[in-house]
Amino acid sequence: MDKAEARKEIETKTIKFLSEEFEVDPSSITPEAPLKETLALDSLDYVDLVVVIEQNFGFKVKGEDFMRLTTFKDFYDHIEAEAAAKA
């Protein structure tokens, strides 16, 4: 699988589990959309988000990581980097 295919898989998988877990319209999850506002995250939702990321990708997102993840593109970039580091 090349890098573009891997990225597309990350985006597709992420949109699927976020839209299900946080009950948002998948079409609202775009690369430029603000992560926190789109998912209407509160502090407990961040805990849920950490759990679903771990279940789907096999790594934990730390609190300090969330501070720099403002858009879904940032989120995808982070997942891609963590996945590459594990490979």
N, C-alpha and C. Protein backbone atom coordinates (compact mmCIF):
# COMPACT_ATOMS: atom_id res chain seq x y z
N MET A 1 0.85 -1.18 0.00
CA MET A 1 0.00 0.00 0.00
C MET A 1 0.89 1.25 0.00
N ASP A 2 0.64 2.15 -0.94
CA ASP A 2 1.46 3.35 -0.97
C ASP A 2 0.94 4.39 0.02
N LYS A 3 1.68 5.48 0.14
CA LYS A 3 1.35 6.50 1.14
C LYS A 3 -0.04 7.12 0.92
N ALA A 4 -0.40 7.38 -0.33
CA ALA A 4 -1.71 7.98 -0.63
C ALA A 4 -2.84 7.01 -0.26
N GLU A 5 -2.66 5.73 -0.53
CA GLU A 5 -3.67 4.73 -0.17
C GLU A 5 -3.79 4.61 1.35
N ALA A 6 -2.65 4.62 2.02
CA ALA A 6 -2.65 4.53 3.49
C ALA A 6 -3.36 5.74 4.08
N ARG A 7 -3.11 6.91 3.53
CA ARG A 7 -3.75 8.14 4.03
C ARG A 7 -5.27 8.06 3.82
N LYS A 8 -5.69 7.62 2.64
CA LYS A 8 -7.12 7.50 2.34
C LYS A 8 -7.79 6.52 3.30
N GLU A 9 -7.10 5.42 3.59
CA GLU A 9 -7.63 4.43 4.53
C GLU A 9 -7.79 5.03 5.92
N ILE A 10 -6.80 5.81 6.37
CA ILE A 10 -6.88 6.48 7.67
C ILE A 10 -8.08 7.42 7.70
N GLU A 11 -8.24 8.22 6.65
CA GLU A 11 -9.34 9.18 6.60
C GLU A 11 -10.70 8.47 6.60
N THR A 12 -10.84 7.44 5.77
CA THR A 12 -12.10 6.71 5.67
C THR A 12 -12.46 6.05 7.00
N LYS A 13 -11.48 5.38 7.60
CA LYS A 13 -11.71 4.69 8.88
C LYS A 13 -12.06 5.69 9.98
N THR A 14 -11.34 6.80 10.00
CA THR A 14 -11.55 7.82 11.02
C THR A 14 -12.94 8.44 10.89
N ILE A 15 -13.33 8.80 9.69
CA ILE A 15 -14.65 9.39 9.47
C ILE A 15 -15.74 8.42 9.92
N LYS A 16 -15.56 7.15 9.61
CA LYS A 16 -16.56 6.14 9.96
C LYS A 16 -16.73 6.05 11.49
N PHE A 17 -15.62 5.86 12.22
CA PHE A 17 -15.79 5.68 13.66
C PHE A 17 -16.14 6.98 14.38
N LEU A 18 -15.67 8.12 13.90
CA LEU A 18 -16.04 9.38 14.55
C LEU A 18 -17.50 9.71 14.33
N SER A 19 -18.00 9.49 13.12
CA SER A 19 -19.40 9.81 12.86
C SER A 19 -20.32 8.89 13.66
N GLU A 20 -19.91 7.64 13.85
CA GLU A 20 -20.71 6.71 14.65
C GLU A 20 -20.62 7.02 16.14
N GLU A 21 -19.41 7.19 16.63
CA GLU A 21 -19.18 7.40 18.06
C GLU A 21 -19.76 8.73 18.55
N PHE A 22 -19.61 9.79 17.75
CA PHE A 22 -20.02 11.13 18.19
C PHE A 22 -21.29 11.62 17.49
N GLU A 23 -21.91 10.72 16.73
CA GLU A 23 -23.20 10.99 16.09
C GLU A 23 -23.20 12.30 15.31
N VAL A 24 -22.23 12.44 14.41
CA VAL A 24 -22.18 13.60 13.53
C VAL A 24 -22.30 13.13 12.09
N ASP A 25 -22.77 14.02 11.25
CA ASP A 25 -22.90 13.73 9.82
C ASP A 25 -21.50 13.55 9.23
N PRO A 26 -21.22 12.41 8.59
CA PRO A 26 -19.89 12.19 8.01
C PRO A 26 -19.46 13.30 7.05
N SER A 27 -20.42 13.94 6.37
CA SER A 27 -20.05 15.00 5.43
C SER A 27 -19.52 16.25 6.14
N SER A 28 -19.76 16.37 7.44
CA SER A 28 -19.25 17.53 8.19
C SER A 28 -17.79 17.33 8.59
N ILE A 29 -17.28 16.11 8.44
CA ILE A 29 -15.89 15.81 8.80
C ILE A 29 -15.02 15.99 7.55
N THR A 30 -14.53 17.22 7.39
CA THR A 30 -13.67 17.55 6.26
C THR A 30 -12.28 17.91 6.80
N PRO A 31 -11.25 17.85 5.97
CA PRO A 31 -9.90 18.15 6.48
C PRO A 31 -9.77 19.51 7.16
N GLU A 32 -10.48 20.52 6.66
CA GLU A 32 -10.35 21.86 7.21
C GLU A 32 -11.27 22.13 8.41
N ALA A 33 -12.23 21.23 8.65
CA ALA A 33 -13.19 21.45 9.73
C ALA A 33 -12.51 21.42 11.10
N PRO A 34 -12.97 22.27 12.02
CA PRO A 34 -12.40 22.26 13.38
C PRO A 34 -12.83 21.00 14.13
N LEU A 35 -11.87 20.28 14.63
CA LEU A 35 -12.11 19.00 15.30
C LEU A 35 -13.06 19.13 16.49
N LYS A 36 -12.71 19.98 17.43
CA LYS A 36 -13.48 20.09 18.68
C LYS A 36 -14.92 20.54 18.41
N GLU A 37 -15.08 21.56 17.58
CA GLU A 37 -16.42 22.11 17.33
C GLU A 37 -17.28 21.14 16.51
N THR A 38 -16.69 20.51 15.51
CA THR A 38 -17.45 19.59 14.66
C THR A 38 -17.98 18.41 15.45
N LEU A 39 -17.15 17.88 16.34
CA LEU A 39 -17.56 16.72 17.14
C LEU A 39 -18.25 17.13 18.44
N ALA A 40 -18.31 18.44 18.71
CA ALA A 40 -18.89 18.96 19.96
C ALA A 40 -18.28 18.26 21.17
N LEU A 41 -16.95 18.26 21.23
CA LEU A 41 -16.23 17.54 22.28
C LEU A 41 -16.20 18.31 23.59
N ASP A 42 -16.52 17.60 24.67
CA ASP A 42 -16.26 18.12 26.01
C ASP A 42 -15.16 17.26 26.61
N SER A 43 -14.81 17.50 27.87
CA SER A 43 -13.67 16.77 28.45
C SER A 43 -13.90 15.26 28.50
N LEU A 44 -15.11 14.83 28.76
CA LEU A 44 -15.38 13.39 28.77
C LEU A 44 -15.30 12.79 27.37
N ASP A 45 -15.70 13.57 26.38
CA ASP A 45 -15.62 13.09 24.99
C ASP A 45 -14.17 12.84 24.58
N TYR A 46 -13.25 13.65 25.10
CA TYR A 46 -11.84 13.42 24.78
C TYR A 46 -11.39 12.05 25.27
N VAL A 47 -11.88 11.64 26.42
CA VAL A 47 -11.56 10.31 26.94
C VAL A 47 -12.10 9.25 25.98
N ASP A 48 -13.34 9.42 25.54
CA ASP A 48 -13.93 8.49 24.57
C ASP A 48 -13.11 8.47 23.28
N LEU A 49 -12.68 9.65 22.85
CA LEU A 49 -11.90 9.74 21.61
C LEU A 49 -10.58 8.99 21.73
N VAL A 50 -9.91 9.13 22.87
CA VAL A 50 -8.66 8.40 23.10
C VAL A 50 -8.91 6.89 23.00
N VAL A 51 -10.00 6.43 23.59
CA VAL A 51 -10.33 5.01 23.58
C VAL A 51 -10.59 4.51 22.15
N VAL A 52 -11.38 5.25 21.37
CA VAL A 52 -11.68 4.78 20.01
C VAL A 52 -10.46 4.85 19.10
N ILE A 53 -9.58 5.81 19.34
CA ILE A 53 -8.34 5.85 18.56
C ILE A 53 -7.49 4.63 18.89
N GLU A 54 -7.38 4.32 20.17
CA GLU A 54 -6.59 3.16 20.58
C GLU A 54 -7.18 1.87 20.00
N GLN A 55 -8.50 1.74 20.04
CA GLN A 55 -9.15 0.55 19.50
C GLN A 55 -8.95 0.42 17.99
N ASN A 56 -8.97 1.53 17.28
CA ASN A 56 -8.90 1.50 15.83
C ASN A 56 -7.49 1.54 15.26
N PHE A 57 -6.55 2.16 16.00
CA PHE A 57 -5.21 2.33 15.45
C PHE A 57 -4.10 1.76 16.33
N GLY A 58 -4.42 1.36 17.56
CA GLY A 58 -3.43 0.70 18.40
C GLY A 58 -2.45 1.60 19.11
N PHE A 59 -2.75 2.88 19.28
CA PHE A 59 -1.89 3.76 20.06
C PHE A 59 -2.77 4.76 20.79
N LYS A 60 -2.21 5.35 21.85
CA LYS A 60 -2.94 6.35 22.63
C LYS A 60 -2.52 7.75 22.20
N VAL A 61 -3.48 8.64 22.19
CA VAL A 61 -3.20 10.05 21.96
C VAL A 61 -3.10 10.71 23.32
N LYS A 62 -2.01 11.41 23.56
CA LYS A 62 -1.80 12.06 24.86
C LYS A 62 -2.48 13.43 24.88
N GLY A 63 -2.76 13.91 26.05
CA GLY A 63 -3.42 15.20 26.21
C GLY A 63 -2.70 16.33 25.50
N GLU A 64 -1.38 16.33 25.59
CA GLU A 64 -0.62 17.41 24.93
C GLU A 64 -0.74 17.34 23.41
N ASP A 65 -0.95 16.13 22.88
CA ASP A 65 -1.14 15.99 21.43
C ASP A 65 -2.41 16.71 20.99
N PHE A 66 -3.46 16.62 21.79
CA PHE A 66 -4.73 17.25 21.43
C PHE A 66 -4.61 18.76 21.34
N MET A 67 -3.68 19.33 22.08
CA MET A 67 -3.53 20.79 22.07
C MET A 67 -3.17 21.31 20.68
N ARG A 68 -2.45 20.51 19.89
CA ARG A 68 -2.06 20.98 18.56
C ARG A 68 -2.94 20.42 17.44
N LEU A 69 -3.90 19.59 17.78
CA LEU A 69 -4.79 19.03 16.78
C LEU A 69 -6.05 19.90 16.71
N THR A 70 -6.07 20.83 15.76
CA THR A 70 -7.21 21.74 15.69
C THR A 70 -8.17 21.38 14.56
N THR A 71 -7.65 20.79 13.48
CA THR A 71 -8.51 20.40 12.35
C THR A 71 -8.43 18.90 12.14
N PHE A 72 -9.31 18.38 11.31
CA PHE A 72 -9.25 16.96 11.00
C PHE A 72 -7.98 16.62 10.24
N LYS A 73 -7.46 17.55 9.44
CA LYS A 73 -6.19 17.31 8.74
C LYS A 73 -5.08 17.09 9.77
N ASP A 74 -5.03 17.92 10.80
CA ASP A 74 -4.04 17.74 11.88
C ASP A 74 -4.20 16.36 12.51
N PHE A 75 -5.44 15.97 12.72
CA PHE A 75 -5.76 14.68 13.32
C PHE A 75 -5.26 13.54 12.43
N TYR A 76 -5.56 13.61 11.13
CA TYR A 76 -5.10 12.58 10.19
C TYR A 76 -3.58 12.54 10.14
N ASP A 77 -2.94 13.73 10.12
CA ASP A 77 -1.47 13.79 10.08
C ASP A 77 -0.88 13.09 11.30
N HIS A 78 -1.48 13.32 12.46
CA HIS A 78 -0.99 12.71 13.70
C HIS A 78 -1.14 11.19 13.65
N ILE A 79 -2.29 10.71 13.21
CA ILE A 79 -2.51 9.27 13.11
C ILE A 79 -1.52 8.66 12.12
N GLU A 80 -1.32 9.33 11.00
CA GLU A 80 -0.39 8.84 9.98
C GLU A 80 1.03 8.75 10.54
N ALA A 81 1.45 9.78 11.27
CA ALA A 81 2.79 9.79 11.86
C ALA A 81 2.96 8.69 12.91
N GLU A 82 1.95 8.51 13.75
CA GLU A 82 2.01 7.46 14.78
C GLU A 82 2.03 6.07 14.14
N ALA A 83 1.23 5.89 13.10
CA ALA A 83 1.20 4.59 12.40
C ALA A 83 2.55 4.31 11.75
N ALA A 84 3.16 5.33 11.17
CA ALA A 84 4.48 5.16 10.53
C ALA A 84 5.55 4.84 11.57
N ALA A 85 5.44 5.46 12.75
CA ALA A 85 6.41 5.22 13.81
C ALA A 85 6.31 3.78 14.33
N LYS A 86 5.11 3.21 14.30
CA LYS A 86 4.91 1.84 14.78
C LYS A 86 5.37 0.80 13.76
N ALA A 87 5.37 1.19 12.48
CA ALA A 87 5.69 0.22 11.41
C ALA A 87 7.16 -0.14 11.36
